[in-house]
Each structure stands twice: as C-alpha cells, then as structure tokens.
Amino acid sequence: MDYLDQIQEAVSFIQKLNPTEVPIGIILGTGLGNLGNQIEVELEIDYKDIPHFPVSTVESHSGKLIFGTLSGKKCSGHERAFSLLRRLLDEGGYFSGSGHEKNWA
C-alpha cells in the first residue's frame, strides 16, 4: 500500500465516524491547548485508532482529533498536531537529506 492509499484509508476511517464536513480546523498546540477545553465535544478520536497515523511514544502526548462546536461553529481540534505533522513528514521521506531539516526545530 503506497502513501496516498494510506492517507485515503485514514480519511475514510475518519469520515465514517464523522461524515459531516467541518469548515474550521484548529491546531491545539502550545498556546492554544486550552482552547480545546472550550470546544463542545461531539466526537473524539485517538490518533492511535486512525489507520496509518503515527502515534507519540510519549504517554502524555497521546493526541486526539476532536469534533464539536466552538462559539456556535462546527470545528475540529487537533491535539499534538505539530508533532504528528513532523512524524508524517519524517515517515514520508521529506527530511531524508532534503535540506529541509533546518526548518523544523
């Protein structure tokens, strides 16, 4: 299974659990983590349950995809998303000697 097939499988999994289109996505990283507490949660998906999603090896950094409402707007919140993005790019070969390493500290 190639990388695009893995992405499509992950997307299909998420869409089966939450078929409603969500117009707003919020990365709940440093500085915005508490904003996640204000989302009226309708669905939480642990990253470890999503096919092909990399998971953190740090227990306190589990990561979740949250669907709900914030100030009356449908949204999704992405906990630990920066770490996830970094691992996705690493696993996809983006950092394999490409010179992009200096852009991620």
PDB file of N, CA and C in Angstrom:
ATOM      1  N   MET A   1       0.860  -1.178   0.000  1.00  0.00           N
ATOM      2  CA  MET A   1       0.000   0.000   0.000  1.00  0.00           C
ATOM      3  C   MET A   1       0.904   1.238   0.000  1.00  0.00           C
ATOM      4  N   ASP A   2       0.699   2.112  -0.969  1.00  0.00           N
ATOM      5  CA  ASP A   2       1.545   3.315  -1.017  1.00  0.00           C
ATOM      6  C   ASP A   2       1.001   4.389  -0.079  1.00  0.00           C
ATOM      7  N   TYR A   3       1.774   5.449   0.032  1.00  0.00           N
ATOM      8  CA  TYR A   3       1.481   6.508   0.993  1.00  0.00           C
ATOM      9  C   TYR A   3       0.113   7.156   0.743  1.00  0.00           C
ATOM     10  N   LEU A   4      -0.239   7.427  -0.506  1.00  0.00           N
ATOM     11  CA  LEU A   4      -1.540   8.042  -0.810  1.00  0.00           C
ATOM     12  C   LEU A   4      -2.697   7.119  -0.449  1.00  0.00           C
ATOM     13  N   ASP A   5      -2.508   5.814  -0.637  1.00  0.00           N
ATOM     14  CA  ASP A   5      -3.538   4.854  -0.234  1.00  0.00           C
ATOM     15  C   ASP A   5      -3.721   4.860   1.282  1.00  0.00           C
ATOM     16  N   GLN A   6      -2.617   4.989   2.024  1.00  0.00           N
ATOM     17  CA  GLN A   6      -2.699   5.048   3.479  1.00  0.00           C
ATOM     18  C   GLN A   6      -3.454   6.294   3.929  1.00  0.00           C
ATOM     19  N   ILE A   7      -3.176   7.414   3.267  1.00  0.00           N
ATOM     20  CA  ILE A   7      -3.879   8.656   3.604  1.00  0.00           C
ATOM     21  C   ILE A   7      -5.370   8.504   3.329  1.00  0.00           C
ATOM     22  N   GLN A   8      -5.723   7.932   2.186  1.00  0.00           N
ATOM     23  CA  GLN A   8      -7.133   7.755   1.842  1.00  0.00           C
ATOM     24  C   GLN A   8      -7.829   6.824   2.836  1.00  0.00           C
ATOM     25  N   GLU A   9      -7.126   5.789   3.287  1.00  0.00           N
ATOM     26  CA  GLU A   9      -7.720   4.880   4.274  1.00  0.00           C
ATOM     27  C   GLU A   9      -7.977   5.614   5.596  1.00  0.00           C
ATOM     28  N   ALA A  10      -7.043   6.462   6.005  1.00  0.00           N
ATOM     29  CA  ALA A  10      -7.230   7.252   7.226  1.00  0.00           C
ATOM     30  C   ALA A  10      -8.411   8.209   7.072  1.00  0.00           C
ATOM     31  N   VAL A  11      -8.494   8.887   5.935  1.00  0.00           N
ATOM     32  CA  VAL A  11      -9.593   9.824   5.670  1.00  0.00           C
ATOM     33  C   VAL A  11     -10.933   9.085   5.692  1.00  0.00           C
ATOM     34  N   SER A  12     -11.003   7.931   5.042  1.00  0.00           N
ATOM     35  CA  SER A  12     -12.245   7.155   5.016  1.00  0.00           C
ATOM     36  C   SER A  12     -12.677   6.747   6.424  1.00  0.00           C
ATOM     37  N   PHE A  13     -11.712   6.347   7.244  1.00  0.00           N
ATOM     38  CA  PHE A  13     -11.996   5.966   8.626  1.00  0.00           C
ATOM     39  C   PHE A  13     -12.617   7.131   9.396  1.00  0.00           C
ATOM     40  N   ILE A  14     -11.999   8.304   9.266  1.00  0.00           N
ATOM     41  CA  ILE A  14     -12.489   9.491   9.971  1.00  0.00           C
ATOM     42  C   ILE A  14     -13.872   9.888   9.455  1.00  0.00           C
ATOM     43  N   GLN A  15     -14.068   9.838   8.133  1.00  0.00           N
ATOM     44  CA  GLN A  15     -15.355  10.238   7.554  1.00  0.00           C
ATOM     45  C   GLN A  15     -16.483   9.285   7.940  1.00  0.00           C
ATOM     46  N   LYS A  16     -16.172   8.014   8.175  1.00  0.00           N
ATOM     47  CA  LYS A  16     -17.204   7.077   8.634  1.00  0.00           C
ATOM     48  C   LYS A  16     -17.675   7.442  10.039  1.00  0.00           C
ATOM     49  N   LEU A  17     -16.747   7.907  10.870  1.00  0.00           N
ATOM     50  CA  LEU A  17     -17.112   8.286  12.235  1.00  0.00           C
ATOM     51  C   LEU A  17     -17.738   9.669  12.305  1.00  0.00           C
ATOM     52  N   ASN A  18     -17.308  10.555  11.409  1.00  0.00           N
ATOM     53  CA  ASN A  18     -17.819  11.924  11.378  1.00  0.00           C
ATOM     54  C   ASN A  18     -18.057  12.331   9.917  1.00  0.00           C
ATOM     55  N   PRO A  19     -19.224  11.997   9.378  1.00  0.00           N
ATOM     56  CA  PRO A  19     -19.481  12.279   7.962  1.00  0.00           C
ATOM     57  C   PRO A  19     -19.773  13.751   7.649  1.00  0.00           C
ATOM     58  N   THR A  20     -19.976  14.569   8.677  1.00  0.00           N
ATOM     59  CA  THR A  20     -20.299  15.976   8.475  1.00  0.00           C
ATOM     60  C   THR A  20     -19.045  16.764   8.131  1.00  0.00           C
ATOM     61  N   GLU A  21     -19.107  17.588   7.087  1.00  0.00           N
ATOM     62  CA  GLU A  21     -17.973  18.434   6.730  1.00  0.00           C
ATOM     63  C   GLU A  21     -17.746  19.472   7.829  1.00  0.00           C
ATOM     64  N   VAL A  22     -16.491  19.662   8.174  1.00  0.00           N
ATOM     65  CA  VAL A  22     -16.124  20.597   9.237  1.00  0.00           C
ATOM     66  C   VAL A  22     -15.310  21.731   8.605  1.00  0.00           C
ATOM     67  N   PRO A  23     -15.844  22.968   8.615  1.00  0.00           N
ATOM     68  CA  PRO A  23     -15.179  24.062   7.913  1.00  0.00           C
ATOM     69  C   PRO A  23     -13.983  24.676   8.644  1.00  0.00           C
ATOM     70  N   ILE A  24     -13.855  24.399   9.943  1.00  0.00           N
ATOM     71  CA  ILE A  24     -12.792  25.034  10.724  1.00  0.00           C
ATOM     72  C   ILE A  24     -11.961  23.957  11.411  1.00  0.00           C
ATOM     73  N   GLY A  25     -10.650  24.028  11.222  1.00  0.00           N
ATOM     74  CA  GLY A  25      -9.724  23.136  11.908  1.00  0.00           C
ATOM     75  C   GLY A  25      -8.762  23.953  12.746  1.00  0.00           C
ATOM     76  N   ILE A  26      -8.587  23.568  13.996  1.00  0.00           N
ATOM     77  CA  ILE A  26      -7.727  24.309  14.913  1.00  0.00           C
ATOM     78  C   ILE A  26      -6.622  23.386  15.405  1.00  0.00           C
ATOM     79  N   ILE A  27      -5.376  23.802  15.245  1.00  0.00           N
ATOM     80  CA  ILE A  27      -4.256  23.050  15.794  1.00  0.00           C
ATOM     81  C   ILE A  27      -4.074  23.501  17.238  1.00  0.00           C
ATOM     82  N   LEU A  28      -4.300  22.583  18.153  1.00  0.00           N
ATOM     83  CA  LEU A  28      -4.276  22.899  19.580  1.00  0.00           C
ATOM     84  C   LEU A  28      -2.883  22.628  20.140  1.00  0.00           C
ATOM     85  N   GLY A  29      -1.933  23.382  19.672  1.00  0.00           N
ATOM     86  CA  GLY A  29      -0.563  23.230  20.144  1.00  0.00           C
ATOM     87  C   GLY A  29      -0.274  24.207  21.253  1.00  0.00           C
ATOM     88  N   THR A  30       0.990  24.451  21.461  1.00  0.00           N
ATOM     89  CA  THR A  30       1.430  25.367  22.504  1.00  0.00           C
ATOM     90  C   THR A  30       0.725  26.708  22.339  1.00  0.00           C
ATOM     91  N   GLY A  31       0.128  27.169  23.401  1.00  0.00           N
ATOM     92  CA  GLY A  31      -0.553  28.454  23.380  1.00  0.00           C
ATOM     93  C   GLY A  31      -2.042  28.341  23.078  1.00  0.00           C
ATOM     94  N   LEU A  32      -2.455  27.281  22.402  1.00  0.00           N
ATOM     95  CA  LEU A  32      -3.883  27.115  22.093  1.00  0.00           C
ATOM     96  C   LEU A  32      -4.476  25.855  22.721  1.00  0.00           C
ATOM     97  N   GLY A  33      -3.676  25.135  23.487  1.00  0.00           N
ATOM     98  CA  GLY A  33      -4.152  23.895  24.094  1.00  0.00           C
ATOM     99  C   GLY A  33      -5.404  24.069  24.931  1.00  0.00           C
ATOM    100  N   ASN A  34      -5.502  25.177  25.662  1.00  0.00           N
ATOM    101  CA  ASN A  34      -6.677  25.409  26.498  1.00  0.00           C
ATOM    102  C   ASN A  34      -7.924  25.721  25.680  1.00  0.00           C
ATOM    103  N   LEU A  35      -7.754  26.147  24.450  1.00  0.00           N
ATOM    104  CA  LEU A  35      -8.909  26.402  23.595  1.00  0.00           C
ATOM    105  C   LEU A  35      -9.695  25.105  23.378  1.00  0.00           C
ATOM    106  N   GLY A  36      -9.004  24.000  23.376  1.00  0.00           N
ATOM    107  CA  GLY A  36      -9.674  22.707  23.233  1.00  0.00           C
ATOM    108  C   GLY A  36     -10.677  22.433  24.334  1.00  0.00           C
ATOM    109  N   ASN A  37     -10.441  22.982  25.509  1.00  0.00           N
ATOM    110  CA  ASN A  37     -11.376  22.807  26.622  1.00  0.00           C
ATOM    111  C   ASN A  37     -12.676  23.564  26.400  1.00  0.00           C
ATOM    112  N   GLN A  38     -12.678  24.514  25.489  1.00  0.00           N
ATOM    113  CA  GLN A  38     -13.877  25.303  25.209  1.00  0.00           C
ATOM    114  C   GLN A  38     -14.726  24.691  24.094  1.00  0.00           C
ATOM    115  N   ILE A  39     -14.193  23.721  23.396  1.00  0.00           N
ATOM    116  CA  ILE A  39     -14.965  23.051  22.340  1.00  0.00           C
ATOM    117  C   ILE A  39     -16.003  22.140  22.982  1.00  0.00           C
ATOM    118  N   GLU A  40     -17.250  22.270  22.547  1.00  0.00           N
ATOM    119  CA  GLU A  40     -18.305  21.358  22.975  1.00  0.00           C
ATOM    120  C   GLU A  40     -18.129  20.081  22.159  1.00  0.00           C
ATOM    121  N   VAL A  41     -17.496  19.093  22.760  1.00  0.00           N
ATOM    122  CA  VAL A  41     -17.051  17.888  22.061  1.00  0.00           C
ATOM    123  C   VAL A  41     -18.227  16.993  21.702  1.00  0.00           C
ATOM    124  N   GLU A  42     -18.289  16.624  20.427  1.00  0.00           N
ATOM    125  CA  GLU A  42     -19.278  15.660  19.950  1.00  0.00           C
ATOM    126  C   GLU A  42     -18.637  14.309  19.666  1.00  0.00           C
ATOM    127  N   LEU A  43     -17.340  14.335  19.315  1.00  0.00           N
ATOM    128  CA  LEU A  43     -16.624  13.107  18.983  1.00  0.00           C
ATOM    129  C   LEU A  43     -15.136  13.327  19.203  1.00  0.00           C
ATOM    130  N   GLU A  44     -14.488  12.356  19.826  1.00  0.00           N
ATOM    131  CA  GLU A  44     -13.031  12.356  19.975  1.00  0.00           C
ATOM    132  C   GLU A  44     -12.494  11.067  19.376  1.00  0.00           C
ATOM    133  N   ILE A  45     -11.438  11.181  18.598  1.00  0.00           N
ATOM    134  CA  ILE A  45     -10.786  10.009  18.027  1.00  0.00           C
ATOM    135  C   ILE A  45      -9.318  10.058  18.424  1.00  0.00           C
ATOM    136  N   ASP A  46      -8.856   9.032  19.131  1.00  0.00           N
ATOM    137  CA  ASP A  46      -7.436   8.945  19.449  1.00  0.00           C
ATOM    138  C   ASP A  46      -6.659   8.691  18.163  1.00  0.00           C
ATOM    139  N   TYR A  47      -5.538   9.382  18.011  1.00  0.00           N
ATOM    140  CA  TYR A  47      -4.717   9.172  16.820  1.00  0.00           C
ATOM    141  C   TYR A  47      -4.336   7.695  16.662  1.00  0.00           C
ATOM    142  N   LYS A  48      -4.131   7.015  17.781  1.00  0.00           N
ATOM    143  CA  LYS A  48      -3.717   5.610  17.712  1.00  0.00           C
ATOM    144  C   LYS A  48      -4.773   4.724  17.056  1.00  0.00           C
ATOM    145  N   ASP A  49      -6.022   5.184  17.015  1.00  0.00           N
ATOM    146  CA  ASP A  49      -7.101   4.403  16.427  1.00  0.00           C
ATOM    147  C   ASP A  49      -7.282   4.659  14.928  1.00  0.00           C
ATOM    148  N   ILE A  50      -6.650   5.696  14.412  1.00  0.00           N
ATOM    149  CA  ILE A  50      -6.783   6.058  12.999  1.00  0.00           C
ATOM    150  C   ILE A  50      -5.733   5.285  12.200  1.00  0.00           C
ATOM    151  N   PRO A  51      -6.154   4.542  11.183  1.00  0.00           N
ATOM    152  CA  PRO A  51      -5.192   3.760  10.403  1.00  0.00           C
ATOM    153  C   PRO A  51      -4.059   4.623   9.854  1.00  0.00           C
ATOM    154  N   HIS A  52      -2.835   4.121  10.046  1.00  0.00           N
ATOM    155  CA  HIS A  52      -1.612   4.710   9.489  1.00  0.00           C
ATOM    156  C   HIS A  52      -1.195   6.033  10.125  1.00  0.00           C
ATOM    157  N   PHE A  53      -1.909   6.514  11.135  1.00  0.00           N
ATOM    158  CA  PHE A  53      -1.480   7.733  11.823  1.00  0.00           C
ATOM    159  C   PHE A  53      -0.311   7.379  12.725  1.00  0.00           C
ATOM    160  N   PRO A  54       0.755   8.151  12.679  1.00  0.00           N
ATOM    161  CA  PRO A  54       1.842   7.906  13.630  1.00  0.00           C
ATOM    162  C   PRO A  54       1.394   8.303  15.026  1.00  0.00           C
ATOM    163  N   VAL A  55       1.840   7.562  16.008  1.00  0.00           N
ATOM    164  CA  VAL A  55       1.479   7.877  17.391  1.00  0.00           C
ATOM    165  C   VAL A  55       2.726   8.244  18.168  1.00  0.00           C
ATOM    166  N   SER A  56       2.539   9.071  19.159  1.00  0.00           N
ATOM    167  CA  SER A  56       3.643   9.501  20.002  1.00  0.00           C
ATOM    168  C   SER A  56       4.073   8.352  20.899  1.00  0.00           C
ATOM    169  N   THR A  57       5.358   8.295  21.177  1.00  0.00           N
ATOM    170  CA  THR A  57       5.860   7.313  22.122  1.00  0.00           C
ATOM    171  C   THR A  57       5.875   7.876  23.535  1.00  0.00           C
ATOM    172  N   VAL A  58       5.505   9.159  23.683  1.00  0.00           N
ATOM    173  CA  VAL A  58       5.424   9.797  24.993  1.00  0.00           C
ATOM    174  C   VAL A  58       3.989   9.667  25.485  1.00  0.00           C
ATOM    175  N   GLU A  59       3.806   9.002  26.630  1.00  0.00           N
ATOM    176  CA  GLU A  59       2.461   8.697  27.115  1.00  0.00           C
ATOM    177  C   GLU A  59       1.582   9.935  27.262  1.00  0.00           C
ATOM    178  N   SER A  60       2.125  11.035  27.731  1.00  0.00           N
ATOM    179  CA  SER A  60       1.325  12.241  27.946  1.00  0.00           C
ATOM    180  C   SER A  60       1.029  12.993  26.646  1.00  0.00           C
ATOM    181  N   HIS A  61       1.556  12.519  25.518  1.00  0.00           N
ATOM    182  CA  HIS A  61       1.355  13.172  24.221  1.00  0.00           C
ATOM    183  C   HIS A  61       0.527  12.291  23.289  1.00  0.00           C
ATOM    184  N   SER A  62      -0.553  11.741  23.784  1.00  0.00           N
ATOM    185  CA  SER A  62      -1.309  10.764  23.007  1.00  0.00           C
ATOM    186  C   SER A  62      -1.893  11.336  21.728  1.00  0.00           C
ATOM    187  N   GLY A  63      -2.489  12.505  21.782  1.00  0.00           N
ATOM    188  CA  GLY A  63      -3.054  13.145  20.604  1.00  0.00           C
ATOM    189  C   GLY A  63      -4.451  12.666  20.273  1.00  0.00           C
ATOM    190  N   LYS A  64      -5.300  13.612  19.963  1.00  0.00           N
ATOM    191  CA  LYS A  64      -6.691  13.307  19.622  1.00  0.00           C
ATOM    192  C   LYS A  64      -7.157  14.244  18.524  1.00  0.00           C
ATOM    193  N   LEU A  65      -8.086  13.748  17.765  1.00  0.00           N
ATOM    194  CA  LEU A  65      -8.817  14.542  16.793  1.00  0.00           C
ATOM    195  C   LEU A  65     -10.191  14.769  17.405  1.00  0.00           C
ATOM    196  N   ILE A  66     -10.548  16.020  17.594  1.00  0.00           N
ATOM    197  CA  ILE A  66     -11.785  16.382  18.289  1.00  0.00           C
ATOM    198  C   ILE A  66     -12.739  17.054  17.304  1.00  0.00           C
ATOM    199  N   PHE A  67     -13.990  16.627  17.308  1.00  0.00           N
ATOM    200  CA  PHE A  67     -15.027  17.269  16.510  1.00  0.00           C
ATOM    201  C   PHE A  67     -16.071  17.829  17.454  1.00  0.00           C
ATOM    202  N   GLY A  68     -16.502  19.055  17.190  1.00  0.00           N
ATOM    203  CA  GLY A  68     -17.504  19.659  18.046  1.00  0.00           C
ATOM    204  C   GLY A  68     -17.868  21.052  17.590  1.00  0.00           C
ATOM    205  N   THR A  69     -18.274  21.865  18.556  1.00  0.00           N
ATOM    206  CA  THR A  69     -18.728  23.225  18.282  1.00  0.00           C
ATOM    207  C   THR A  69     -17.986  24.190  19.188  1.00  0.00           C
ATOM    208  N   LEU A  70     -17.565  25.303  18.603  1.00  0.00           N
ATOM    209  CA  LEU A  70     -16.912  26.372  19.355  1.00  0.00           C
ATOM    210  C   LEU A  70     -17.571  27.674  18.930  1.00  0.00           C
ATOM    211  N   SER A  71     -18.158  28.369  19.874  1.00  0.00           N
ATOM    212  CA  SER A  71     -18.866  29.628  19.597  1.00  0.00           C
ATOM    213  C   SER A  71     -19.897  29.458  18.483  1.00  0.00           C
ATOM    214  N   GLY A  72     -20.606  28.340  18.516  1.00  0.00           N
ATOM    215  CA  GLY A  72     -21.668  28.090  17.551  1.00  0.00           C
ATOM    216  C   GLY A  72     -21.213  27.613  16.188  1.00  0.00           C
ATOM    217  N   LYS A  73     -19.919  27.404  15.995  1.00  0.00           N
ATOM    218  CA  LYS A  73     -19.379  26.963  14.702  1.00  0.00           C
ATOM    219  C   LYS A  73     -18.845  25.541  14.818  1.00  0.00           C
ATOM    220  N   LYS A  74     -19.163  24.707  13.825  1.00  0.00           N
ATOM    221  CA  LYS A  74     -18.605  23.356  13.764  1.00  0.00           C
ATOM    222  C   LYS A  74     -17.107  23.460  13.537  1.00  0.00           C
ATOM    223  N   CYS A  75     -16.344  22.660  14.268  1.00  0.00           N
ATOM    224  CA  CYS A  75     -14.895  22.718  14.119  1.00  0.00           C
ATOM    225  C   CYS A  75     -14.282  21.374  14.481  1.00  0.00           C
ATOM    226  N   SER A  76     -13.014  21.261  14.150  1.00  0.00           N
ATOM    227  CA  SER A  76     -12.217  20.131  14.617  1.00  0.00           C
ATOM    228  C   SER A  76     -10.998  20.694  15.318  1.00  0.00           C
ATOM    229  N   GLY A  77     -10.590  20.005  16.354  1.00  0.00           N
ATOM    230  CA  GLY A  77      -9.384  20.381  17.084  1.00  0.00           C
ATOM    231  C   GLY A  77      -8.378  19.271  16.960  1.00  0.00           C
ATOM    232  N   HIS A  78      -7.143  19.636  16.750  1.00  0.00           N
ATOM    233  CA  HIS A  78      -6.089  18.653  16.511  1.00  0.00           C
ATOM    234  C   HIS A  78      -5.039  18.782  17.611  1.00  0.00           C
ATOM    235  N   GLU A  79      -5.124  17.898  18.615  1.00  0.00           N
ATOM    236  CA  GLU A  79      -4.157  17.919  19.701  1.00  0.00           C
ATOM    237  C   GLU A  79      -2.868  17.266  19.247  1.00  0.00           C
ATOM    238  N   ARG A  80      -1.752  17.851  19.596  1.00  0.00           N
ATOM    239  CA  ARG A  80      -0.422  17.342  19.271  1.00  0.00           C
ATOM    240  C   ARG A  80      -0.210  17.278  17.769  1.00  0.00           C
ATOM    241  N   ALA A  81      -0.858  18.155  17.037  1.00  0.00           N
ATOM    242  CA  ALA A  81      -0.810  18.117  15.575  1.00  0.00           C
ATOM    243  C   ALA A  81       0.567  18.426  15.018  1.00  0.00           C
ATOM    244  N   PHE A  82       1.315  19.334  15.634  1.00  0.00           N
ATOM    245  CA  PHE A  82       2.633  19.663  15.104  1.00  0.00           C
ATOM    246  C   PHE A  82       3.548  18.452  15.172  1.00  0.00           C
ATOM    247  N   SER A  83       3.511  17.748  16.313  1.00  0.00           N
ATOM    248  CA  SER A  83       4.324  16.545  16.433  1.00  0.00           C
ATOM    249  C   SER A  83       3.889  15.512  15.404  1.00  0.00           C
ATOM    250  N   LEU A  84       2.579  15.410  15.193  1.00  0.00           N
ATOM    251  CA  LEU A  84       2.059  14.469  14.215  1.00  0.00           C
ATOM    252  C   LEU A  84       2.530  14.838  12.813  1.00  0.00           C
ATOM    253  N   LEU A  85       2.413  16.110  12.450  1.00  0.00           N
ATOM    254  CA  LEU A  85       2.846  16.552  11.131  1.00  0.00           C
ATOM    255  C   LEU A  85       4.321  16.255  10.927  1.00  0.00           C
ATOM    256  N   ARG A  86       5.111  16.528  11.927  1.00  0.00           N
ATOM    257  CA  ARG A  86       6.558  16.273  11.832  1.00  0.00           C
ATOM    258  C   ARG A  86       6.808  14.794  11.556  1.00  0.00           C
ATOM    259  N   ARG A  87       6.121  13.917  12.287  1.00  0.00           N
ATOM    260  CA  ARG A  87       6.331  12.477  12.092  1.00  0.00           C
ATOM    261  C   ARG A  87       5.818  12.024  10.734  1.00  0.00           C
ATOM    262  N   LEU A  88       4.692  12.575  10.280  1.00  0.00           N
ATOM    263  CA  LEU A  88       4.197  12.219   8.946  1.00  0.00           C
ATOM    264  C   LEU A  88       5.215  12.596   7.878  1.00  0.00           C
ATOM    265  N   LEU A  89       5.774  13.790   8.001  1.00  0.00           N
ATOM    266  CA  LEU A  89       6.763  14.230   7.028  1.00  0.00           C
ATOM    267  C   LEU A  89       8.032  13.396   7.114  1.00  0.00           C
ATOM    268  N   ASP A  90       8.451  13.066   8.329  1.00  0.00           N
ATOM    269  CA  ASP A  90       9.629  12.216   8.502  1.00  0.00           C
ATOM    270  C   ASP A  90       9.406  10.860   7.844  1.00  0.00           C
ATOM    271  N   GLU A  91       8.258  10.253   8.133  1.00  0.00           N
ATOM    272  CA  GLU A  91       7.966   8.922   7.614  1.00  0.00           C
ATOM    273  C   GLU A  91       7.755   8.944   6.105  1.00  0.00           C
ATOM    274  N   GLY A  92       7.326  10.080   5.574  1.00  0.00           N
ATOM    275  CA  GLY A  92       7.131  10.208   4.138  1.00  0.00           C
ATOM    276  C   GLY A  92       8.405  10.547   3.397  1.00  0.00           C
ATOM    277  N   GLY A  93       9.521  10.641   4.124  1.00  0.00           N
ATOM    278  CA  GLY A  93      10.811  10.892   3.494  1.00  0.00           C
ATOM    279  C   GLY A  93      11.122  12.349   3.245  1.00  0.00           C
ATOM    280  N   TYR A  94      10.310  13.268   3.764  1.00  0.00           N
ATOM    281  CA  TYR A  94      10.513  14.681   3.499  1.00  0.00           C
ATOM    282  C   TYR A  94      11.845  15.176   4.034  1.00  0.00           C
ATOM    283  N   PHE A  95      12.302  14.591   5.146  1.00  0.00           N
ATOM    284  CA  PHE A  95      13.534  15.053   5.777  1.00  0.00           C
ATOM    285  C   PHE A  95      14.747  14.220   5.386  1.00  0.00           C
ATOM    286  N   SER A  96      14.596  13.291   4.517  1.00  0.00           N
ATOM    287  CA  SER A  96      15.680  12.384   4.168  1.00  0.00           C
ATOM    288  C   SER A  96      16.749  13.087   3.322  1.00  0.00           C
ATOM    289  N   GLY A  97      17.559  13.893   3.972  1.00  0.00           N
ATOM    290  CA  GLY A  97      18.651  14.543   3.292  1.00  0.00           C
ATOM    291  C   GLY A  97      18.208  15.611   2.325  1.00  0.00           C
ATOM    292  N   SER A  98      16.995  16.118   2.482  1.00  0.00           N
ATOM    293  CA  SER A  98      16.456  17.101   1.526  1.00  0.00           C
ATOM    294  C   SER A  98      16.883  18.523   1.835  1.00  0.00           C
ATOM    295  N   GLY A  99      17.501  18.713   3.010  1.00  0.00           N
ATOM    296  CA  GLY A  99      17.898  20.067   3.387  1.00  0.00           C
ATOM    297  C   GLY A  99      16.809  20.820   4.130  1.00  0.00           C
ATOM    298  N   HIS A 100      15.631  20.214   4.286  1.00  0.00           N
ATOM    299  CA  HIS A 100      14.525  20.873   4.973  1.00  0.00           C
ATOM    300  C   HIS A 100      14.634  20.761   6.488  1.00  0.00           C
ATOM    301  N   GLU A 101      15.574  19.966   6.978  1.00  0.00           N
ATOM    302  CA  GLU A 101      15.680  19.731   8.419  1.00  0.00           C
ATOM    303  C   GLU A 101      15.823  21.038   9.190  1.00  0.00           C
ATOM    304  N   LYS A 102      16.488  22.013   8.640  1.00  0.00           N
ATOM    305  CA  LYS A 102      16.741  23.262   9.363  1.00  0.00           C
ATOM    306  C   LYS A 102      15.461  24.054   9.605  1.00  0.00           C
ATOM    307  N   ASN A 103      14.372  23.725   8.882  1.00  0.00           N
ATOM    308  CA  ASN A 103      13.115  24.453   9.032  1.00  0.00           C
ATOM    309  C   ASN A 103      12.282  23.958  10.205  1.00  0.00           C
ATOM    310  N   TRP A 104      12.692  22.871  10.830  1.00  0.00           N
ATOM    311  CA  TRP A 104      11.911  22.279  11.920  1.00  0.00           C
ATOM    312  C   TRP A 104      12.812  22.134  13.137  1.00  0.00           C
ATOM    313  N   ALA A 105      12.534  22.905  14.152  1.00  0.00           N
ATOM    314  CA  ALA A 105      13.352  22.809  15.370  1.00  0.00           C
ATOM    315  C   ALA A 105      12.599  22.071  16.454  1.00  0.00           C
TER     316      ALA A 105
END
